[in-house]
Amino acid sequence: MSSPPLAPPGWSRWLVPPAALSVHLSIGQAYAWSVFKPPLESALHLDGTQSALPFQLAIVMLGLSAAFGGTLVERNGPRWAMTVALVCFSSGFLISALGAQTKQYWLIVLGYGFVGGIGLGIGYISPVSTLIKWFPDRPGMATGIAIMGFGGGALIASPWSAQMLSSFGTGHSGIALAFLVHGLAYAVFMTLGVLLVRVPRGNTPGASASGPDSVARVQVSANSALRTPQFWLLWIVLCTNVTAGIGILEKAAPMITDFFADSSTPVSASAAAGFVALLSAANMAGRIGWSSASDRIGRKNIYRCYLGVGALTYLLLALFGDSAKPLFVLCALVILSFYGGGFATVPAYLKDLFGTYQVGAIHGRLLTAWSTAGVLGPLIVNWIADRQKDAGKHGPALYGLSFGIMIGLLVVGFVANELVRPVHTRHHHVPAQREAADAQRQQPA
């Protein structure tokens, strides 16, 4: 595990995305956390803010572990990273199962949030640099395929979790058994990625498509990237886009139930779980669809769509979301497609600005924006909803103020994206020859 597995001659680069998908589809279960919120609140007597804590901490640890572990992932390679992700993510579920069985909520927070969150971060960035090296001609599409799995994980996990809770029961023992099954099943599935992943040997297919200037192009190290305004502008762009999307995603099931609780056709628990699955599908489709489109129309233009159109969609949702279920669902699907697309496009955006040298480490540091958003989004939506409920409000009135805040954040992100310019040459560029030498040192003898 200490050396990246070198691809044998004739190895197809199209085997690498499935390896990445096996990890990302597993850790993407995080997006189905809202299915566990109502049972946990009932079984352990929690409010909405408390039941969001494991998810929030998991996203915080995702960003922190990606930031601090990014250089290790670059140095040790994707197989090492996927192995660490497997151990941490699966262990997190097993610890959470113990916590649910013993009614010790702090163990669920520790297991799912802290330990599992480390697995999320390392697993999330594990294939990014490798995929960009395998697909230099289509970096947006390549990273979109893998990161699509993270968005689509809840498409599997949401109905699967709901079915398990229905079979095992929604008491603390049923929740514990569901956590246990998750931990064991994901360990087996993630092992497939560990065994399949490879790093490229020499020139990769499609490398010539990146242009004759690619060899001479200078690169930027991870430490130097932190000193550029471009990095921090992209940090704001990612943070605002993620905050707006995760605010809906984390509370998706309770939110659609609240919006139509007073209508003639209220939303059932199974329908709410189906809505979570639909959001996961939009999240997943946006990751591959929008990121592939960015290869054609450019990264800045696609982020204009994510942030500008996203703000308008949030406004439509705030004003008319309770008028019809199809409108509510459609607006939420659009927002989640932009949310997913933003994640999948940002590695290619970083590659365009900073080059491929240490792009995985730069990406890891940028994901601290996700950590911040993982706290902000659920906190804004849950805290305001709890306060509005205490004030006697119900239905869509629980979310009006938080939706307005999300619109403002998206406007801030739009402005930050407009300010992004090419990185100036004074920012300690690293020659491509050094990149090649570092890559050679990583390879086994």
Protein backbone atom coordinates (compact mmCIF):
# COMPACT_ATOMS: atom_id res chain seq x y z
CA MET A 1 0.00 0.00 0.00
CA SER A 2 2.99 2.34 0.42
CA SER A 3 3.56 2.71 -3.34
CA PRO A 4 1.00 3.63 -5.98
CA PRO A 5 0.15 0.60 -8.16
CA LEU A 6 1.63 1.17 -11.61
CA ALA A 7 -0.56 0.34 -14.59
CA PRO A 8 0.80 -2.53 -16.70
CA PRO A 9 1.27 -1.97 -20.45
CA GLY A 10 -2.07 -1.88 -22.26
CA TRP A 11 -4.06 -1.06 -19.13
CA SER A 12 -7.28 0.74 -20.09
CA ARG A 13 -7.76 4.13 -18.49
CA TRP A 14 -11.51 3.42 -18.46
CA LEU A 15 -10.97 0.96 -15.61
CA VAL A 16 -9.91 3.81 -13.30
CA PRO A 17 -13.30 5.62 -13.07
CA PRO A 18 -15.08 2.45 -11.82
CA ALA A 19 -12.42 2.10 -9.12
CA ALA A 20 -13.08 5.66 -8.04
CA LEU A 21 -16.84 5.11 -8.25
CA SER A 22 -16.74 2.18 -5.84
CA VAL A 23 -15.33 4.50 -3.17
CA HIS A 24 -17.42 7.56 -4.00
CA LEU A 25 -20.72 5.65 -4.22
CA SER A 26 -20.01 4.32 -0.73
CA ILE A 27 -19.00 7.53 1.02
CA GLY A 28 -21.84 9.31 -0.81
CA GLN A 29 -24.12 7.71 1.78
CA ALA A 30 -23.55 10.90 3.75
CA TYR A 31 -26.17 12.58 1.59
CA ALA A 32 -28.81 10.16 2.87
CA TRP A 33 -28.32 11.22 6.50
CA SER A 34 -31.68 13.01 6.57
CA VAL A 35 -33.41 9.59 6.41
CA PHE A 36 -31.95 8.83 9.86
CA LYS A 37 -32.87 12.19 11.38
CA PRO A 38 -36.53 11.53 12.30
CA PRO A 39 -35.87 8.07 13.84
CA LEU A 40 -32.93 9.40 15.83
CA GLU A 41 -34.93 12.39 17.04
CA SER A 42 -37.71 10.08 18.20
CA ALA A 43 -35.56 7.32 19.70
CA LEU A 44 -33.01 9.55 21.44
CA HIS A 45 -35.19 12.63 22.07
CA LEU A 46 -33.22 15.08 19.92
CA ASP A 47 -34.22 18.26 18.11
CA GLY A 48 -33.43 19.03 14.48
CA THR A 49 -30.21 20.88 15.26
CA GLN A 50 -28.89 18.06 17.43
CA SER A 51 -29.73 15.33 14.93
CA ALA A 52 -27.80 17.25 12.26
CA LEU A 53 -24.60 17.24 14.35
CA PRO A 54 -23.11 13.93 13.07
CA PHE A 55 -23.60 15.06 9.48
CA GLN A 56 -22.17 18.51 10.16
CA LEU A 57 -19.10 17.11 11.91
CA ALA A 58 -18.60 14.59 9.09
CA ILE A 59 -18.49 17.41 6.54
CA VAL A 60 -16.13 19.42 8.77
CA MET A 61 -13.81 16.44 9.07
CA LEU A 62 -14.11 15.83 5.34
CA GLY A 63 -12.64 19.24 4.62
CA LEU A 64 -10.01 19.12 7.35
CA SER A 65 -8.79 15.61 6.51
CA ALA A 66 -8.72 16.46 2.81
CA ALA A 67 -6.74 19.62 3.55
CA PHE A 68 -4.20 18.07 5.90
CA GLY A 69 -4.09 14.71 4.14
CA GLY A 70 -3.92 16.00 0.58
CA THR A 71 -0.12 15.98 0.46
CA LEU A 72 -0.04 12.43 1.89
CA VAL A 73 -2.50 11.31 -0.78
CA GLU A 74 -0.27 12.83 -3.48
CA ARG A 75 2.81 11.17 -1.97
CA ASN A 76 1.42 7.71 -1.21
CA GLY A 77 -0.96 7.32 -4.12
CA PRO A 78 -4.63 6.38 -4.57
CA ARG A 79 -4.52 2.82 -3.22
CA TRP A 80 -3.19 3.98 0.15
CA ALA A 81 -5.82 6.72 0.29
CA MET A 82 -8.67 4.38 -0.61
CA THR A 83 -7.56 1.92 2.06
CA VAL A 84 -7.52 4.62 4.74
CA ALA A 85 -10.96 5.78 3.58
CA LEU A 86 -12.32 2.23 3.76
CA VAL A 87 -11.09 1.64 7.31
CA CYS A 88 -12.29 4.99 8.67
CA PHE A 89 -15.66 5.11 6.93
CA SER A 90 -16.65 1.56 7.84
CA SER A 91 -15.35 1.92 11.41
CA GLY A 92 -17.43 5.07 11.78
CA PHE A 93 -20.60 3.09 11.13
CA LEU A 94 -19.60 0.34 13.55
CA ILE A 95 -18.95 2.89 16.32
CA SER A 96 -22.28 4.54 15.51
CA ALA A 97 -24.02 1.17 15.77
CA LEU A 98 -22.62 0.77 19.28
CA GLY A 99 -23.75 4.29 20.14
CA ALA A 100 -27.30 3.69 18.93
CA GLN A 101 -27.56 0.34 20.71
CA THR A 102 -26.39 1.82 24.01
CA LYS A 103 -28.28 5.13 23.50
CA GLN A 104 -25.00 7.04 23.73
CA TYR A 105 -25.50 9.75 21.13
CA TRP A 106 -21.96 11.06 21.56
CA LEU A 107 -20.70 7.75 20.11
CA ILE A 108 -22.78 8.34 16.97
CA VAL A 109 -21.31 11.82 16.69
CA LEU A 110 -17.80 10.42 17.23
CA GLY A 111 -18.23 7.47 14.90
CA TYR A 112 -20.21 8.88 11.99
CA GLY A 113 -19.01 12.47 12.36
CA PHE A 114 -15.36 12.29 13.39
CA VAL A 115 -14.01 8.88 12.34
CA GLY A 116 -16.30 8.48 9.36
CA GLY A 117 -15.69 12.09 8.34
CA ILE A 118 -11.96 11.38 8.03
CA GLY A 119 -12.84 8.54 5.68
CA LEU A 120 -15.02 10.92 3.68
CA GLY A 121 -12.21 13.42 3.18
CA ILE A 122 -9.44 10.99 2.27
CA GLY A 123 -11.77 8.94 0.09
CA TYR A 124 -13.13 11.99 -1.68
CA ILE A 125 -9.77 13.28 -2.91
CA SER A 126 -8.17 9.84 -3.38
CA PRO A 127 -8.84 9.53 -7.15
CA VAL A 128 -8.84 13.18 -8.27
CA SER A 129 -5.17 13.67 -9.17
CA THR A 130 -4.98 10.19 -10.71
CA LEU A 131 -8.03 10.78 -12.89
CA ILE A 132 -6.72 14.12 -14.17
CA LYS A 133 -3.45 12.40 -15.13
CA TRP A 134 -5.32 9.60 -16.92
CA PHE A 135 -7.65 12.05 -18.73
CA PRO A 136 -5.66 15.24 -19.48
CA ASP A 137 -7.85 15.81 -22.54
CA ARG A 138 -11.15 15.78 -20.58
CA PRO A 139 -10.48 16.61 -16.93
CA GLY A 140 -13.98 17.90 -16.24
CA MET A 141 -15.59 14.74 -17.53
CA ALA A 142 -13.12 12.45 -15.72
CA THR A 143 -13.51 14.02 -12.31
CA GLY A 144 -17.24 14.33 -12.94
CA ILE A 145 -17.58 10.58 -13.45
CA ALA A 146 -15.93 9.81 -10.11
CA ILE A 147 -17.42 12.62 -8.07
CA MET A 148 -20.78 11.72 -9.61
CA GLY A 149 -20.59 8.66 -7.39
CA PHE A 150 -20.44 10.78 -4.25
CA GLY A 151 -23.56 12.63 -5.34
CA GLY A 152 -25.29 9.42 -6.34
CA GLY A 153 -24.49 7.50 -3.19
CA ALA A 154 -27.74 8.55 -1.55
CA LEU A 155 -29.68 7.31 -4.57
CA ILE A 156 -28.80 3.84 -3.31
CA ALA A 157 -28.46 4.56 0.40
CA SER A 158 -31.69 6.50 0.89
CA PRO A 159 -34.23 3.81 -0.11
CA TRP A 160 -31.92 1.10 1.26
CA SER A 161 -31.73 2.83 4.65
CA ALA A 162 -35.48 3.48 4.68
CA GLN A 163 -36.16 -0.19 3.94
CA MET A 164 -33.82 -1.34 6.68
CA LEU A 165 -35.44 0.99 9.22
CA SER A 166 -38.82 -0.32 8.13
CA SER A 167 -37.65 -3.93 8.58
CA PHE A 168 -35.52 -3.52 11.70
CA GLY A 169 -37.65 -0.86 13.37
CA THR A 170 -37.05 2.82 14.09
CA GLY A 171 -36.11 2.28 17.73
CA HIS A 172 -32.52 2.51 18.91
CA SER A 173 -31.88 -1.21 18.24
CA GLY A 174 -33.20 -0.99 14.70
CA ILE A 175 -31.04 2.06 13.99
CA ALA A 176 -28.01 0.24 15.43
CA LEU A 177 -28.57 -2.77 13.19
CA ALA A 178 -28.94 -0.53 10.14
CA PHE A 179 -25.63 1.18 10.96
CA LEU A 180 -23.96 -2.21 11.38
CA VAL A 181 -25.13 -3.46 7.98
CA HIS A 182 -23.97 -0.23 6.35
CA GLY A 183 -20.48 -0.52 7.81
CA LEU A 184 -19.96 -4.11 6.70
CA ALA A 185 -21.48 -3.73 3.24
CA TYR A 186 -19.52 -0.60 2.37
CA ALA A 187 -16.27 -2.23 3.50
CA VAL A 188 -16.76 -4.99 0.93
CA PHE A 189 -17.74 -2.60 -1.87
CA MET A 190 -14.87 -0.16 -1.29
CA THR A 191 -12.39 -3.04 -1.40
CA LEU A 192 -13.13 -3.37 -5.12
CA GLY A 193 -11.75 0.12 -5.72
CA VAL A 194 -8.66 -0.57 -3.65
CA LEU A 195 -7.85 -3.62 -5.76
CA LEU A 196 -8.65 -2.04 -9.16
CA VAL A 197 -7.03 1.41 -9.05
CA ARG A 198 -3.80 2.09 -10.99
CA VAL A 199 -1.64 5.15 -11.75
CA PRO A 200 -0.52 5.87 -15.35
CA ARG A 201 2.83 4.73 -16.73
CA GLY A 202 4.53 7.40 -18.84
CA ASN A 203 2.37 9.09 -21.49
CA THR A 204 -1.36 8.52 -21.14
CA PRO A 205 -3.98 8.28 -23.88
CA GLY A 206 -5.28 11.70 -24.78
CA ALA A 207 -2.23 13.50 -23.45
CA SER A 208 -1.57 15.12 -26.81
CA ALA A 209 -5.01 16.68 -26.64
CA SER A 210 -3.83 18.95 -23.90
CA GLY A 211 -1.67 20.74 -26.42
CA PRO A 212 2.02 21.04 -27.22
CA ASP A 213 2.48 23.66 -24.55
CA SER A 214 1.57 21.27 -21.77
CA VAL A 215 5.14 20.05 -21.27
CA ALA A 216 6.57 23.54 -20.97
CA ARG A 217 3.70 24.95 -18.92
CA VAL A 218 4.75 25.98 -15.42
CA GLN A 219 2.96 24.62 -12.37
CA VAL A 220 2.05 25.95 -8.93
CA SER A 221 2.72 24.06 -5.70
CA ALA A 222 0.06 23.64 -3.03
CA ASN A 223 1.81 26.00 -0.61
CA SER A 224 2.21 28.67 -3.29
CA ALA A 225 -1.42 28.34 -4.34
CA LEU A 226 -2.49 29.40 -0.85
CA ARG A 227 -0.80 32.76 -1.44
CA THR A 228 -2.80 33.55 -4.58
CA PRO A 229 -6.08 35.48 -4.66
CA GLN A 230 -7.41 32.91 -7.12
CA PHE A 231 -7.38 30.18 -4.48
CA TRP A 232 -9.36 32.24 -1.99
CA LEU A 233 -11.83 33.47 -4.59
CA LEU A 234 -12.50 29.86 -5.53
CA TRP A 235 -12.80 29.09 -1.82
CA ILE A 236 -15.63 31.64 -1.58
CA VAL A 237 -17.22 30.32 -4.78
CA LEU A 238 -17.23 26.73 -3.52
CA CYS A 239 -18.32 27.65 0.00
CA THR A 240 -21.33 29.68 -1.11
CA ASN A 241 -22.45 27.14 -3.70
CA VAL A 242 -22.14 24.26 -1.24
CA THR A 243 -23.91 26.15 1.57
CA ALA A 244 -26.89 26.82 -0.68
CA GLY A 245 -27.16 23.20 -1.78
CA ILE A 246 -26.40 21.43 1.47
CA GLY A 247 -28.98 23.50 3.33
CA ILE A 248 -31.70 21.75 1.34
CA LEU A 249 -30.02 18.37 1.13
CA GLU A 250 -29.39 17.86 4.84
CA LYS A 251 -33.02 18.63 5.74
CA ALA A 252 -34.64 17.38 2.55
CA ALA A 253 -37.05 14.83 4.02
CA PRO A 254 -38.40 17.03 6.86
CA MET A 255 -38.46 20.10 4.59
CA ILE A 256 -40.79 18.71 1.91
CA THR A 257 -42.98 17.27 4.67
CA ASP A 258 -43.24 20.69 6.35
CA PHE A 259 -43.93 22.54 3.08
CA PHE A 260 -47.03 20.47 2.32
CA ALA A 261 -48.12 19.41 5.81
CA ASP A 262 -51.26 21.62 5.61
CA SER A 263 -52.16 20.66 2.05
CA SER A 264 -54.84 18.18 1.05
CA THR A 265 -52.12 15.67 0.09
CA PRO A 266 -49.38 15.70 2.76
CA VAL A 267 -46.06 14.00 2.04
CA SER A 268 -45.60 10.56 3.61
CA ALA A 269 -42.33 9.30 5.08
CA SER A 270 -41.75 6.98 2.13
CA ALA A 271 -42.44 9.79 -0.35
CA ALA A 272 -40.01 12.04 1.55
CA ALA A 273 -37.35 9.32 1.29
CA GLY A 274 -38.10 9.15 -2.44
CA PHE A 275 -37.58 12.91 -2.66
CA VAL A 276 -34.14 12.47 -1.05
CA ALA A 277 -33.35 9.85 -3.68
CA LEU A 278 -34.46 12.22 -6.46
CA LEU A 279 -32.21 14.93 -5.08
CA SER A 280 -29.37 12.43 -5.10
CA ALA A 281 -30.09 11.65 -8.75
CA ALA A 282 -29.99 15.38 -9.61
CA ASN A 283 -26.81 15.78 -7.59
CA MET A 284 -25.28 12.85 -9.46
CA ALA A 285 -26.46 13.95 -12.91
CA GLY A 286 -25.20 17.48 -12.32
CA ARG A 287 -21.75 16.21 -11.46
CA ILE A 288 -21.23 14.43 -14.75
CA GLY A 289 -23.44 16.62 -16.95
CA TRP A 290 -22.35 20.11 -15.89
CA SER A 291 -18.69 19.17 -15.41
CA SER A 292 -18.57 17.66 -18.91
CA ALA A 293 -20.18 20.82 -20.27
CA SER A 294 -17.43 22.86 -18.58
CA ASP A 295 -14.87 21.19 -20.86
CA ARG A 296 -16.64 22.93 -23.73
CA ILE A 297 -17.87 26.26 -22.39
CA GLY A 298 -15.23 26.93 -19.71
CA ARG A 299 -15.15 26.77 -15.93
CA LYS A 300 -16.02 30.42 -15.25
CA ASN A 301 -19.08 30.29 -17.49
CA ILE A 302 -20.41 27.15 -15.87
CA TYR A 303 -20.02 28.68 -12.41
CA ARG A 304 -21.94 31.71 -13.60
CA CYS A 305 -24.77 29.29 -14.23
CA TYR A 306 -24.41 27.52 -10.88
CA LEU A 307 -24.45 30.73 -8.88
CA GLY A 308 -26.57 33.14 -10.93
CA VAL A 309 -29.29 30.76 -12.06
CA GLY A 310 -29.10 29.08 -8.65
CA ALA A 311 -29.98 32.36 -6.91
CA LEU A 312 -32.96 32.88 -9.22
CA THR A 313 -34.14 29.31 -8.61
CA TYR A 314 -33.94 29.81 -4.85
CA LEU A 315 -36.02 32.98 -5.24
CA LEU A 316 -38.64 31.04 -7.20
CA LEU A 317 -38.65 28.35 -4.52
CA ALA A 318 -39.07 30.91 -1.73
CA LEU A 319 -41.93 32.73 -3.46
CA PHE A 320 -43.91 29.92 -5.05
CA GLY A 321 -42.48 26.64 -3.70
CA ASP A 322 -45.60 25.79 -1.70
CA SER A 323 -47.98 26.37 -4.60
CA ALA A 324 -47.40 22.94 -6.17
CA LYS A 325 -45.31 19.89 -5.37
CA PRO A 326 -43.90 19.57 -8.93
CA LEU A 327 -42.59 23.15 -8.77
CA PHE A 328 -41.00 22.59 -5.37
CA VAL A 329 -39.37 19.35 -6.51
CA LEU A 330 -38.18 20.86 -9.82
CA CYS A 331 -36.55 23.87 -8.14
CA ALA A 332 -34.85 21.64 -5.57
CA LEU A 333 -33.58 19.34 -8.32
CA VAL A 334 -32.07 22.28 -10.24
CA ILE A 335 -30.34 23.61 -7.12
CA LEU A 336 -28.93 20.18 -6.29
CA SER A 337 -27.70 19.66 -9.86
CA PHE A 338 -25.75 22.92 -9.57
CA TYR A 339 -24.50 21.86 -6.14
CA GLY A 340 -23.16 18.60 -7.53
CA GLY A 341 -21.81 20.24 -10.67
CA GLY A 342 -19.84 22.71 -8.57
CA PHE A 343 -18.03 19.90 -6.78
CA ALA A 344 -17.21 18.02 -9.97
CA THR A 345 -16.02 21.08 -11.86
CA VAL A 346 -13.74 22.58 -9.24
CA PRO A 347 -10.83 20.09 -9.69
CA ALA A 348 -10.68 20.98 -13.40
CA TYR A 349 -10.94 24.70 -12.50
CA LEU A 350 -7.95 24.23 -10.19
CA LYS A 351 -6.06 22.36 -12.90
CA ASP A 352 -6.70 25.22 -15.35
CA LEU A 353 -5.39 27.80 -12.89
CA PHE A 354 -2.58 25.95 -11.09
CA GLY A 355 -1.62 23.05 -13.37
CA THR A 356 -1.48 19.37 -12.49
CA TYR A 357 1.44 19.60 -10.04
CA GLN A 358 -0.03 18.85 -6.56
CA VAL A 359 -3.56 19.51 -7.85
CA GLY A 360 -4.85 16.86 -5.43
CA ALA A 361 -3.26 18.64 -2.48
CA ILE A 362 -4.62 22.01 -3.65
CA HIS A 363 -8.05 20.43 -4.04
CA GLY A 364 -7.81 19.04 -0.52
CA ARG A 365 -7.05 22.46 0.92
CA LEU A 366 -9.91 24.01 -1.02
CA LEU A 367 -12.32 21.53 0.54
CA THR A 368 -12.05 23.43 3.82
CA ALA A 369 -14.70 25.55 2.10
CA TRP A 370 -16.90 22.45 2.21
CA SER A 371 -16.20 22.08 5.93
CA THR A 372 -17.36 25.64 6.50
CA ALA A 373 -20.42 25.15 4.32
CA GLY A 374 -21.18 21.86 6.06
CA VAL A 375 -21.65 23.83 9.26
CA LEU A 376 -23.27 26.94 7.76
CA GLY A 377 -25.88 25.31 5.54
CA PRO A 378 -27.50 22.95 8.07
CA LEU A 379 -27.04 25.48 10.89
CA ILE A 380 -28.83 28.24 8.97
CA VAL A 381 -31.74 26.04 7.91
CA ASN A 382 -32.14 24.02 11.13
CA TRP A 383 -31.55 26.85 13.62
CA ILE A 384 -33.93 29.23 11.86
CA ALA A 385 -36.56 26.49 11.44
CA ASP A 386 -36.33 25.61 15.14
CA ARG A 387 -36.66 29.26 16.15
CA GLN A 388 -39.59 29.82 13.81
CA LYS A 389 -41.29 26.72 15.18
CA ASP A 390 -40.82 28.03 18.72
CA ALA A 391 -42.48 31.26 17.58
CA GLY A 392 -45.56 29.30 16.51
CA LYS A 393 -44.94 29.27 12.76
CA HIS A 394 -45.23 26.21 10.56
CA GLY A 395 -45.05 25.04 6.97
CA PRO A 396 -43.14 27.18 4.43
CA ALA A 397 -42.82 29.98 7.01
CA LEU A 398 -40.15 27.90 8.72
CA TYR A 399 -37.80 28.37 5.75
CA GLY A 400 -38.46 31.80 4.22
CA LEU A 401 -35.65 33.62 6.05
CA SER A 402 -33.07 30.88 5.45
CA PHE A 403 -33.90 30.83 1.72
CA GLY A 404 -33.29 34.59 1.59
CA ILE A 405 -29.89 34.12 3.20
CA MET A 406 -29.01 31.45 0.61
CA ILE A 407 -29.85 33.85 -2.23
CA GLY A 408 -27.49 36.45 -0.75
CA LEU A 409 -24.69 33.91 -0.42
CA LEU A 410 -25.06 32.83 -4.05
CA VAL A 411 -24.78 36.45 -5.17
CA VAL A 412 -21.55 36.79 -3.18
CA GLY A 413 -20.22 33.66 -4.86
CA PHE A 414 -21.18 34.99 -8.30
CA VAL A 415 -19.16 38.16 -7.70
CA ALA A 416 -16.15 36.15 -6.47
CA ASN A 417 -16.22 34.01 -9.62
CA GLU A 418 -16.22 37.14 -11.79
CA LEU A 419 -13.02 38.30 -10.07
CA VAL A 420 -11.04 35.13 -10.91
CA ARG A 421 -8.15 35.81 -13.29
CA PRO A 422 -5.18 33.67 -14.49
CA VAL A 423 -2.49 33.18 -11.85
CA HIS A 424 0.35 35.71 -12.14
CA THR A 425 3.80 34.32 -12.84
CA ARG A 426 5.22 35.84 -9.66
CA HIS A 427 3.47 33.18 -7.56
CA HIS A 428 6.43 30.78 -7.41
CA HIS A 429 5.59 28.59 -10.36
CA VAL A 430 7.13 25.11 -10.35
CA PRO A 431 8.70 23.99 -13.64
CA ALA A 432 7.15 20.99 -15.35
CA GLN A 433 10.53 19.20 -15.06
CA ARG A 434 10.19 19.19 -11.29
CA GLU A 435 6.67 17.80 -11.61
CA ALA A 436 8.03 14.94 -13.72
CA ALA A 437 10.85 14.28 -11.23
CA ASP A 438 8.42 14.17 -8.32
CA ALA A 439 6.16 11.77 -10.21
CA GLN A 440 9.14 9.52 -10.97
CA ARG A 441 10.10 9.39 -7.29
CA GLN A 442 6.56 8.25 -6.40
CA GLN A 443 6.73 5.22 -8.66
CA PRO A 444 7.99 1.86 -7.38
CA ALA A 445 11.35 0.63 -8.52
